[in-house]
């Protein structure tokens, strides 16, 4: 497919998301070439990042050949949607290439925090999710530049995971961001269900924008229910797999105040 045709298709998908704006400052041939080049580099980047990812899994006491799995490659519409929030800088989209570590118990996250953040993890930034890393250069050829802890403070949808951002050099002048997603092995089904709910809610929003009208009360209620469903699914899993103990104390109290009206768990990170 030609660049022009691809840009046309992307514009059709993204213009409603951008409130009717075409955004040629972001959606242009130069950025499309960058995005396609990054997608083309995914295989090589994952191959370089894989040994480091398996090393983390092994240090957690997991079988690296079973716990480390491939993650989905980010598609072009999502690349540009994220780039729009990064001043149009496609190359800064952090998770075009993704690997996953599937944990089994909350202690795996405690040990992961100790490994990368130290015995007394500290958090900073908006949302209080960004862990302060002990060492950004654990290997000469890989830089760890981000530890985003959604077990500590969940996302707005209730999602829980840890995202470890890597900068993986492919040559002396070229590198690609790779993200390691650390997820409970029994929550993969929830990841799929909540993604479907998210897509459905986005479709409703896009339809209203494409038709140039406000959402109907029924549409607004459907979007609200899809979002509530996602948050409920994640929260239920956190209770089912004993992950709530990983959450910042005030965030746990907010969910079920009476349940946490007792001394805080030893795993709590203030």
C-alpha atoms as a PDB file:
ATOM      1  CA  UNK A   1       0.000   0.000   0.000  1.00  0.00           C
ATOM      2  CA  UNK A   2       1.275   3.478  -0.878  1.00  0.00           C
ATOM      3  CA  UNK A   3       2.134   6.085   1.746  1.00  0.00           C
ATOM      4  CA  UNK A   4      -0.741   8.271   0.545  1.00  0.00           C
ATOM      5  CA  UNK A   5      -3.284   5.456   0.877  1.00  0.00           C
ATOM      6  CA  UNK A   6      -1.979   4.478   4.312  1.00  0.00           C
ATOM      7  CA  UNK A   7      -2.115   8.090   5.509  1.00  0.00           C
ATOM      8  CA  UNK A   8      -5.653   8.381   4.169  1.00  0.00           C
ATOM      9  CA  UNK A   9      -6.762   5.300   6.111  1.00  0.00           C
ATOM     10  CA  UNK A  10      -5.040   6.509   9.264  1.00  0.00           C
ATOM     11  CA  UNK A  11      -6.671   9.927   8.905  1.00  0.00           C
ATOM     12  CA  UNK A  12     -10.102   8.291   8.618  1.00  0.00           C
ATOM     13  CA  UNK A  13      -9.472   6.413  11.878  1.00  0.00           C
ATOM     14  CA  UNK A  14      -7.753   9.156  13.858  1.00  0.00           C
ATOM     15  CA  UNK A  15      -9.554  12.358  12.845  1.00  0.00           C
ATOM     16  CA  UNK A  16     -12.632  11.532  14.969  1.00  0.00           C
ATOM     17  CA  UNK A  17     -10.372  10.666  17.914  1.00  0.00           C
ATOM     18  CA  UNK A  18      -8.686  14.049  17.510  1.00  0.00           C
ATOM     19  CA  UNK A  19     -12.020  15.864  17.638  1.00  0.00           C
ATOM     20  CA  UNK A  20     -12.270  16.350  13.884  1.00  0.00           C
ATOM     21  CA  UNK A  21      -8.740  17.710  13.429  1.00  0.00           C
ATOM     22  CA  UNK A  22      -6.666  16.285  10.564  1.00  0.00           C
ATOM     23  CA  UNK A  23      -3.343  16.886  12.407  1.00  0.00           C
ATOM     24  CA  UNK A  24      -0.961  17.013   9.413  1.00  0.00           C
ATOM     25  CA  UNK A  25       1.731  18.059  11.902  1.00  0.00           C
ATOM     26  CA  UNK A  26       1.627  14.492  13.211  1.00  0.00           C
ATOM     27  CA  UNK A  27       0.083  12.426  10.447  1.00  0.00           C
ATOM     28  CA  UNK A  28       2.551  12.944   7.607  1.00  0.00           C
ATOM     29  CA  UNK A  29       4.889  10.953   5.382  1.00  0.00           C
ATOM     30  CA  UNK A  30       7.965  11.618   7.509  1.00  0.00           C
ATOM     31  CA  UNK A  31       6.344  10.291  10.678  1.00  0.00           C
ATOM     32  CA  UNK A  32       4.816   7.367   8.795  1.00  0.00           C
ATOM     33  CA  UNK A  33       8.279   6.381   7.564  1.00  0.00           C
ATOM     34  CA  UNK A  34       9.556   6.548  11.148  1.00  0.00           C
ATOM     35  CA  UNK A  35       6.669   4.452  12.452  1.00  0.00           C
ATOM     36  CA  UNK A  36       7.089   1.803   9.760  1.00  0.00           C
ATOM     37  CA  UNK A  37      10.849   1.689  10.388  1.00  0.00           C
ATOM     38  CA  UNK A  38      10.238   1.179  14.114  1.00  0.00           C
ATOM     39  CA  UNK A  39       7.757  -1.612  13.398  1.00  0.00           C
ATOM     40  CA  UNK A  40      10.318  -3.205  11.091  1.00  0.00           C
ATOM     41  CA  UNK A  41      12.930  -3.114  13.878  1.00  0.00           C
ATOM     42  CA  UNK A  42      10.719  -4.818  16.443  1.00  0.00           C
ATOM     43  CA  UNK A  43      12.036  -8.331  15.799  1.00  0.00           C
ATOM     44  CA  UNK A  44      15.681  -7.339  16.215  1.00  0.00           C
ATOM     45  CA  UNK A  45      14.952  -5.212  19.286  1.00  0.00           C
ATOM     46  CA  UNK A  46      13.051  -8.030  21.005  1.00  0.00           C
ATOM     47  CA  UNK A  47      15.876 -10.462  20.270  1.00  0.00           C
ATOM     48  CA  UNK A  48      18.339  -8.112  21.997  1.00  0.00           C
ATOM     49  CA  UNK A  49      16.003  -7.448  24.949  1.00  0.00           C
ATOM     50  CA  UNK A  50      14.973 -11.082  25.453  1.00  0.00           C
ATOM     51  CA  UNK A  51      18.037 -12.269  27.453  1.00  0.00           C
ATOM     52  CA  UNK A  52      17.696  -9.311  29.839  1.00  0.00           C
ATOM     53  CA  UNK A  53      13.971 -10.007  30.253  1.00  0.00           C
ATOM     54  CA  UNK A  54      14.643 -13.679  30.970  1.00  0.00           C
ATOM     55  CA  UNK A  55      17.320 -12.700  33.481  1.00  0.00           C
ATOM     56  CA  UNK A  56      14.749 -10.657  35.414  1.00  0.00           C
ATOM     57  CA  UNK A  57      12.301 -13.583  35.374  1.00  0.00           C
ATOM     58  CA  UNK A  58      14.974 -15.977  36.602  1.00  0.00           C
ATOM     59  CA  UNK A  59      15.937 -13.639  39.455  1.00  0.00           C
ATOM     60  CA  UNK A  60      12.266 -13.651  40.477  1.00  0.00           C
ATOM     61  CA  UNK A  61      12.401 -17.433  40.755  1.00  0.00           C
ATOM     62  CA  UNK A  62      10.319 -17.985  37.620  1.00  0.00           C
ATOM     63  CA  UNK A  63      11.053 -20.351  34.756  1.00  0.00           C
ATOM     64  CA  UNK A  64      12.170 -17.822  32.120  1.00  0.00           C
ATOM     65  CA  UNK A  65      11.207 -20.098  29.227  1.00  0.00           C
ATOM     66  CA  UNK A  66       7.625 -20.208  30.495  1.00  0.00           C
ATOM     67  CA  UNK A  67       7.225 -16.830  32.202  1.00  0.00           C
ATOM     68  CA  UNK A  68       8.562 -14.657  29.360  1.00  0.00           C
ATOM     69  CA  UNK A  69       6.193 -14.410  26.410  1.00  0.00           C
ATOM     70  CA  UNK A  70       5.930 -12.231  23.342  1.00  0.00           C
ATOM     71  CA  UNK A  71       3.776  -9.132  23.497  1.00  0.00           C
ATOM     72  CA  UNK A  72       1.687  -7.681  20.662  1.00  0.00           C
ATOM     73  CA  UNK A  73       3.286  -5.157  18.323  1.00  0.00           C
ATOM     74  CA  UNK A  74       1.679  -1.730  18.497  1.00  0.00           C
ATOM     75  CA  UNK A  75      -0.410  -0.936  15.426  1.00  0.00           C
ATOM     76  CA  UNK A  76      -0.064   2.261  13.400  1.00  0.00           C
ATOM     77  CA  UNK A  77      -3.245   4.018  14.639  1.00  0.00           C
ATOM     78  CA  UNK A  78      -2.192   3.554  18.279  1.00  0.00           C
ATOM     79  CA  UNK A  79       1.363   4.678  17.483  1.00  0.00           C
ATOM     80  CA  UNK A  80       0.071   7.971  16.091  1.00  0.00           C
ATOM     81  CA  UNK A  81      -2.555   8.339  18.825  1.00  0.00           C
ATOM     82  CA  UNK A  82       0.226   8.103  21.420  1.00  0.00           C
ATOM     83  CA  UNK A  83       2.588  10.284  19.387  1.00  0.00           C
ATOM     84  CA  UNK A  84      -0.029  13.055  19.502  1.00  0.00           C
ATOM     85  CA  UNK A  85       0.466  13.137  23.280  1.00  0.00           C
ATOM     86  CA  UNK A  86       4.248  13.315  22.824  1.00  0.00           C
ATOM     87  CA  UNK A  87       4.404  16.464  20.687  1.00  0.00           C
ATOM     88  CA  UNK A  88       4.164  14.333  17.566  1.00  0.00           C
ATOM     89  CA  UNK A  89       7.446  12.539  18.254  1.00  0.00           C
ATOM     90  CA  UNK A  90       6.788   9.034  16.946  1.00  0.00           C
ATOM     91  CA  UNK A  91      10.220   7.851  18.038  1.00  0.00           C
ATOM     92  CA  UNK A  92       9.291   8.505  21.681  1.00  0.00           C
ATOM     93  CA  UNK A  93       6.312   6.123  21.726  1.00  0.00           C
ATOM     94  CA  UNK A  94       7.569   3.748  24.439  1.00  0.00           C
ATOM     95  CA  UNK A  95       5.908   0.431  23.693  1.00  0.00           C
ATOM     96  CA  UNK A  96       6.017  -0.347  19.983  1.00  0.00           C
ATOM     97  CA  UNK A  97       7.935  -3.513  20.851  1.00  0.00           C
ATOM     98  CA  UNK A  98       6.650  -5.435  23.872  1.00  0.00           C
ATOM     99  CA  UNK A  99       7.648  -8.478  25.894  1.00  0.00           C
ATOM    100  CA  UNK A 100       5.781  -9.844  28.893  1.00  0.00           C
ATOM    101  CA  UNK A 101       6.771 -11.471  32.173  1.00  0.00           C
ATOM    102  CA  UNK A 102       3.935 -13.490  33.698  1.00  0.00           C
ATOM    103  CA  UNK A 103       4.135 -13.499  37.490  1.00  0.00           C
ATOM    104  CA  UNK A 104       2.415 -15.977  39.804  1.00  0.00           C
ATOM    105  CA  UNK A 105       2.036 -14.189  43.149  1.00  0.00           C
ATOM    106  CA  UNK A 106       2.241 -10.718  44.731  1.00  0.00           C
ATOM    107  CA  UNK A 107       5.664 -11.508  46.213  1.00  0.00           C
ATOM    108  CA  UNK A 108       7.024 -11.544  42.656  1.00  0.00           C
ATOM    109  CA  UNK A 109       6.188  -7.832  42.366  1.00  0.00           C
ATOM    110  CA  UNK A 110       7.685  -7.131  45.796  1.00  0.00           C
ATOM    111  CA  UNK A 111      10.914  -8.770  44.647  1.00  0.00           C
ATOM    112  CA  UNK A 112      10.812  -6.939  41.314  1.00  0.00           C
ATOM    113  CA  UNK A 113      10.518  -3.619  43.146  1.00  0.00           C
ATOM    114  CA  UNK A 114      13.474  -4.528  45.369  1.00  0.00           C
ATOM    115  CA  UNK A 115      15.504  -5.571  42.320  1.00  0.00           C
ATOM    116  CA  UNK A 116      15.024  -2.328  40.390  1.00  0.00           C
ATOM    117  CA  UNK A 117      13.959   0.226  43.012  1.00  0.00           C
ATOM    118  CA  UNK A 118      15.679  -0.984  46.185  1.00  0.00           C
ATOM    119  CA  UNK A 119      14.470  -2.131  49.609  1.00  0.00           C
ATOM    120  CA  UNK A 120      12.499   1.075  50.144  1.00  0.00           C
ATOM    121  CA  UNK A 121      10.920   1.906  46.774  1.00  0.00           C
ATOM    122  CA  UNK A 122      10.268   5.559  46.026  1.00  0.00           C
ATOM    123  CA  UNK A 123       7.770   6.919  43.545  1.00  0.00           C
ATOM    124  CA  UNK A 124       7.462  10.243  41.781  1.00  0.00           C
ATOM    125  CA  UNK A 125       5.732  12.013  38.937  1.00  0.00           C
ATOM    126  CA  UNK A 126       2.101  12.414  37.987  1.00  0.00           C
ATOM    127  CA  UNK A 127      -0.001   9.667  39.521  1.00  0.00           C
ATOM    128  CA  UNK A 128       2.833   8.618  41.858  1.00  0.00           C
ATOM    129  CA  UNK A 129       3.514   5.573  39.684  1.00  0.00           C
ATOM    130  CA  UNK A 130       7.041   6.180  38.398  1.00  0.00           C
ATOM    131  CA  UNK A 131       9.530   4.225  40.479  1.00  0.00           C
ATOM    132  CA  UNK A 132      12.913   5.814  41.141  1.00  0.00           C
ATOM    133  CA  UNK A 133      15.370   3.366  39.555  1.00  0.00           C
ATOM    134  CA  UNK A 134      18.526   2.218  41.336  1.00  0.00           C
ATOM    135  CA  UNK A 135      20.484   1.654  38.141  1.00  0.00           C
ATOM    136  CA  UNK A 136      19.545   2.743  34.638  1.00  0.00           C
ATOM    137  CA  UNK A 137      22.416   0.793  33.061  1.00  0.00           C
ATOM    138  CA  UNK A 138      22.147  -2.813  34.287  1.00  0.00           C
ATOM    139  CA  UNK A 139      23.730  -3.976  31.026  1.00  0.00           C
ATOM    140  CA  UNK A 140      26.048  -2.095  28.698  1.00  0.00           C
ATOM    141  CA  UNK A 141      23.760  -2.479  25.710  1.00  0.00           C
ATOM    142  CA  UNK A 142      20.421  -1.775  27.401  1.00  0.00           C
ATOM    143  CA  UNK A 143      19.160   1.274  29.293  1.00  0.00           C
ATOM    144  CA  UNK A 144      16.252   0.991  31.725  1.00  0.00           C
ATOM    145  CA  UNK A 145      14.555   4.371  31.660  1.00  0.00           C
ATOM    146  CA  UNK A 146      11.165   3.724  33.253  1.00  0.00           C
ATOM    147  CA  UNK A 147       9.462   1.656  35.956  1.00  0.00           C
ATOM    148  CA  UNK A 148       5.744   2.441  35.860  1.00  0.00           C
ATOM    149  CA  UNK A 149       3.991   0.615  38.699  1.00  0.00           C
ATOM    150  CA  UNK A 150       0.243   0.227  38.231  1.00  0.00           C
ATOM    151  CA  UNK A 151       0.133  -2.263  41.104  1.00  0.00           C
ATOM    152  CA  UNK A 152       1.091   0.675  43.333  1.00  0.00           C
ATOM    153  CA  UNK A 153      -1.444   3.075  41.786  1.00  0.00           C
ATOM    154  CA  UNK A 154      -3.784   1.573  39.144  1.00  0.00           C
ATOM    155  CA  UNK A 155      -4.557   3.325  35.877  1.00  0.00           C
ATOM    156  CA  UNK A 156      -7.774   5.289  35.421  1.00  0.00           C
ATOM    157  CA  UNK A 157      -9.361   2.054  34.147  1.00  0.00           C
ATOM    158  CA  UNK A 158      -8.201   0.073  37.188  1.00  0.00           C
ATOM    159  CA  UNK A 159      -5.539  -1.812  35.251  1.00  0.00           C
ATOM    160  CA  UNK A 160      -2.668  -3.311  37.247  1.00  0.00           C
ATOM    161  CA  UNK A 161       0.751  -4.204  35.841  1.00  0.00           C
ATOM    162  CA  UNK A 162       4.338  -2.987  35.851  1.00  0.00           C
ATOM    163  CA  UNK A 163       5.747  -1.455  32.670  1.00  0.00           C
ATOM    164  CA  UNK A 164       9.541  -1.454  32.440  1.00  0.00           C
ATOM    165  CA  UNK A 165      10.734   0.867  29.675  1.00  0.00           C
ATOM    166  CA  UNK A 166      13.959  -0.040  27.881  1.00  0.00           C
ATOM    167  CA  UNK A 167      16.091   1.732  25.313  1.00  0.00           C
ATOM    168  CA  UNK A 168      17.622  -0.954  23.107  1.00  0.00           C
ATOM    169  CA  UNK A 169      20.407   0.052  20.698  1.00  0.00           C
ATOM    170  CA  UNK A 170      20.349  -1.600  17.285  1.00  0.00           C
ATOM    171  CA  UNK A 171      23.527   0.181  16.201  1.00  0.00           C
ATOM    172  CA  UNK A 172      25.786   2.985  17.377  1.00  0.00           C
ATOM    173  CA  UNK A 173      23.342   5.585  16.043  1.00  0.00           C
ATOM    174  CA  UNK A 174      19.943   3.920  16.234  1.00  0.00           C
ATOM    175  CA  UNK A 175      17.851   2.566  19.101  1.00  0.00           C
ATOM    176  CA  UNK A 176      14.252   1.504  19.698  1.00  0.00           C
ATOM    177  CA  UNK A 177      12.074   1.628  22.823  1.00  0.00           C
ATOM    178  CA  UNK A 178      10.990  -1.762  24.180  1.00  0.00           C
ATOM    179  CA  UNK A 179       8.509  -2.268  26.999  1.00  0.00           C
ATOM    180  CA  UNK A 180       8.453  -5.217  29.382  1.00  0.00           C
ATOM    181  CA  UNK A 181       4.938  -5.668  30.717  1.00  0.00           C
ATOM    182  CA  UNK A 182       4.796  -7.550  34.025  1.00  0.00           C
ATOM    183  CA  UNK A 183       1.329  -9.084  34.450  1.00  0.00           C
ATOM    184  CA  UNK A 184      -0.207 -11.773  36.648  1.00  0.00           C
ATOM    185  CA  UNK A 185      -0.480 -14.952  34.599  1.00  0.00           C
ATOM    186  CA  UNK A 186      -4.160 -15.427  35.511  1.00  0.00           C
ATOM    187  CA  UNK A 187      -5.107 -11.939  34.331  1.00  0.00           C
ATOM    188  CA  UNK A 188      -4.416 -12.378  30.621  1.00  0.00           C
ATOM    189  CA  UNK A 189      -8.093 -13.142  30.013  1.00  0.00           C
ATOM    190  CA  UNK A 190      -9.013  -9.929  31.818  1.00  0.00           C
ATOM    191  CA  UNK A 191      -6.557  -8.022  29.611  1.00  0.00           C
ATOM    192  CA  UNK A 192      -8.437  -9.297  26.543  1.00  0.00           C
ATOM    193  CA  UNK A 193     -11.906  -8.599  27.960  1.00  0.00           C
ATOM    194  CA  UNK A 194     -11.064  -5.074  29.075  1.00  0.00           C
ATOM    195  CA  UNK A 195      -9.413  -4.313  25.732  1.00  0.00           C
ATOM    196  CA  UNK A 196     -12.638  -5.356  23.976  1.00  0.00           C
ATOM    197  CA  UNK A 197     -14.653  -3.098  26.308  1.00  0.00           C
ATOM    198  CA  UNK A 198     -12.251  -0.227  25.613  1.00  0.00           C
ATOM    199  CA  UNK A 199     -12.584  -0.711  21.842  1.00  0.00           C
ATOM    200  CA  UNK A 200     -16.385  -0.776  22.074  1.00  0.00           C
ATOM    201  CA  UNK A 201     -16.488   2.441  24.105  1.00  0.00           C
ATOM    202  CA  UNK A 202     -14.112   4.108  21.617  1.00  0.00           C
ATOM    203  CA  UNK A 203     -16.329   3.052  18.713  1.00  0.00           C
ATOM    204  CA  UNK A 204     -19.317   4.731  20.346  1.00  0.00           C
ATOM    205  CA  UNK A 205     -17.338   7.926  20.930  1.00  0.00           C
ATOM    206  CA  UNK A 206     -16.023   7.926  17.349  1.00  0.00           C
ATOM    207  CA  UNK A 207     -19.458   7.400  15.852  1.00  0.00           C
ATOM    208  CA  UNK A 208     -20.851  10.448  17.625  1.00  0.00           C
ATOM    209  CA  UNK A 209     -17.854  12.581  16.597  1.00  0.00           C
ATOM    210  CA  UNK A 210     -18.023  11.410  12.975  1.00  0.00           C
ATOM    211  CA  UNK A 211     -21.706  12.367  12.865  1.00  0.00           C
ATOM    212  CA  UNK A 212     -20.910  15.752  14.416  1.00  0.00           C
ATOM    213  CA  UNK A 213     -23.280  15.388  17.349  1.00  0.00           C
ATOM    214  CA  UNK A 214     -23.138  14.931  21.123  1.00  0.00           C
ATOM    215  CA  UNK A 215     -23.507  11.439  22.538  1.00  0.00           C
ATOM    216  CA  UNK A 216     -27.049  10.312  23.238  1.00  0.00           C
ATOM    217  CA  UNK A 217     -27.881   9.509  26.889  1.00  0.00           C
ATOM    218  CA  UNK A 218     -27.901   5.822  25.928  1.00  0.00           C
ATOM    219  CA  UNK A 219     -24.447   6.069  24.355  1.00  0.00           C
ATOM    220  CA  UNK A 220     -23.021   7.933  27.319  1.00  0.00           C
ATOM    221  CA  UNK A 221     -24.439   5.304  29.676  1.00  0.00           C
ATOM    222  CA  UNK A 222     -22.989   2.475  27.571  1.00  0.00           C
ATOM    223  CA  UNK A 223     -19.520   4.087  27.665  1.00  0.00           C
ATOM    224  CA  UNK A 224     -19.813   4.557  31.424  1.00  0.00           C
ATOM    225  CA  UNK A 225     -20.837   0.929  31.944  1.00  0.00           C
ATOM    226  CA  UNK A 226     -18.005  -0.412  29.783  1.00  0.00           C
ATOM    227  CA  UNK A 227     -15.543   1.605  31.863  1.00  0.00           C
ATOM    228  CA  UNK A 228     -17.129   0.510  35.138  1.00  0.00           C
ATOM    229  CA  UNK A 229     -16.987  -3.090  33.914  1.00  0.00           C
ATOM    230  CA  UNK A 230     -13.256  -2.790  33.255  1.00  0.00           C
ATOM    231  CA  UNK A 231     -12.561  -1.311  36.669  1.00  0.00           C
ATOM    232  CA  UNK A 232     -14.672  -4.009  38.351  1.00  0.00           C
ATOM    233  CA  UNK A 233     -12.882  -6.807  36.485  1.00  0.00           C
ATOM    234  CA  UNK A 234      -9.451  -5.546  37.515  1.00  0.00           C
ATOM    235  CA  UNK A 235     -10.528  -4.933  41.105  1.00  0.00           C
ATOM    236  CA  UNK A 236     -12.048  -8.416  41.398  1.00  0.00           C
ATOM    237  CA  UNK A 237      -8.816  -9.962  40.110  1.00  0.00           C
ATOM    238  CA  UNK A 238      -6.800  -7.959  42.621  1.00  0.00           C
ATOM    239  CA  UNK A 239      -8.842  -9.451  45.442  1.00  0.00           C
ATOM    240  CA  UNK A 240      -8.857 -12.940  43.915  1.00  0.00           C
ATOM    241  CA  UNK A 241      -5.061 -13.067  43.471  1.00  0.00           C
ATOM    242  CA  UNK A 242      -4.146 -11.134  46.650  1.00  0.00           C
ATOM    243  CA  UNK A 243      -2.745  -8.207  44.663  1.00  0.00           C
ATOM    244  CA  UNK A 244      -4.524  -5.502  46.633  1.00  0.00           C
ATOM    245  CA  UNK A 245      -1.719  -5.631  49.209  1.00  0.00           C
ATOM    246  CA  UNK A 246       0.594  -4.141  46.569  1.00  0.00           C
ATOM    247  CA  UNK A 247      -1.519  -1.006  46.274  1.00  0.00           C
ATOM    248  CA  UNK A 248      -0.720   2.286  47.951  1.00  0.00           C
ATOM    249  CA  UNK A 249      -2.576   2.238  51.296  1.00  0.00           C
ATOM    250  CA  UNK A 250      -4.912   5.147  50.580  1.00  0.00           C
ATOM    251  CA  UNK A 251      -5.911   3.574  47.261  1.00  0.00           C
ATOM    252  CA  UNK A 252      -6.821   0.329  49.022  1.00  0.00           C
ATOM    253  CA  UNK A 253      -8.940   2.123  51.610  1.00  0.00           C
ATOM    254  CA  UNK A 254     -10.793   3.915  48.833  1.00  0.00           C
ATOM    255  CA  UNK A 255     -11.954   0.579  47.363  1.00  0.00           C
ATOM    256  CA  UNK A 256     -13.308  -1.033  50.546  1.00  0.00           C
ATOM    257  CA  UNK A 257     -12.739   1.259  53.557  1.00  0.00           C
ATOM    258  CA  UNK A 258     -13.900  -1.198  56.233  1.00  0.00           C
ATOM    259  CA  UNK A 259     -11.730  -4.016  54.915  1.00  0.00           C
ATOM    260  CA  UNK A 260      -8.584  -1.960  55.433  1.00  0.00           C
ATOM    261  CA  UNK A 261      -9.465  -0.366  58.763  1.00  0.00           C
ATOM    262  CA  UNK A 262      -6.706  -2.528  60.288  1.00  0.00           C
ATOM    263  CA  UNK A 263      -2.898  -2.067  60.460  1.00  0.00           C
ATOM    264  CA  UNK A 264      -1.424  -1.858  56.972  1.00  0.00           C
ATOM    265  CA  UNK A 265       0.112  -4.904  55.348  1.00  0.00           C
ATOM    266  CA  UNK A 266       3.872  -5.325  55.519  1.00  0.00           C
ATOM    267  CA  UNK A 267       4.090  -5.002  51.722  1.00  0.00           C
ATOM    268  CA  UNK A 268       2.537  -1.565  51.602  1.00  0.00           C
ATOM    269  CA  UNK A 269       4.572   1.203  49.981  1.00  0.00           C
ATOM    270  CA  UNK A 270       3.487   4.591  51.285  1.00  0.00           C
END
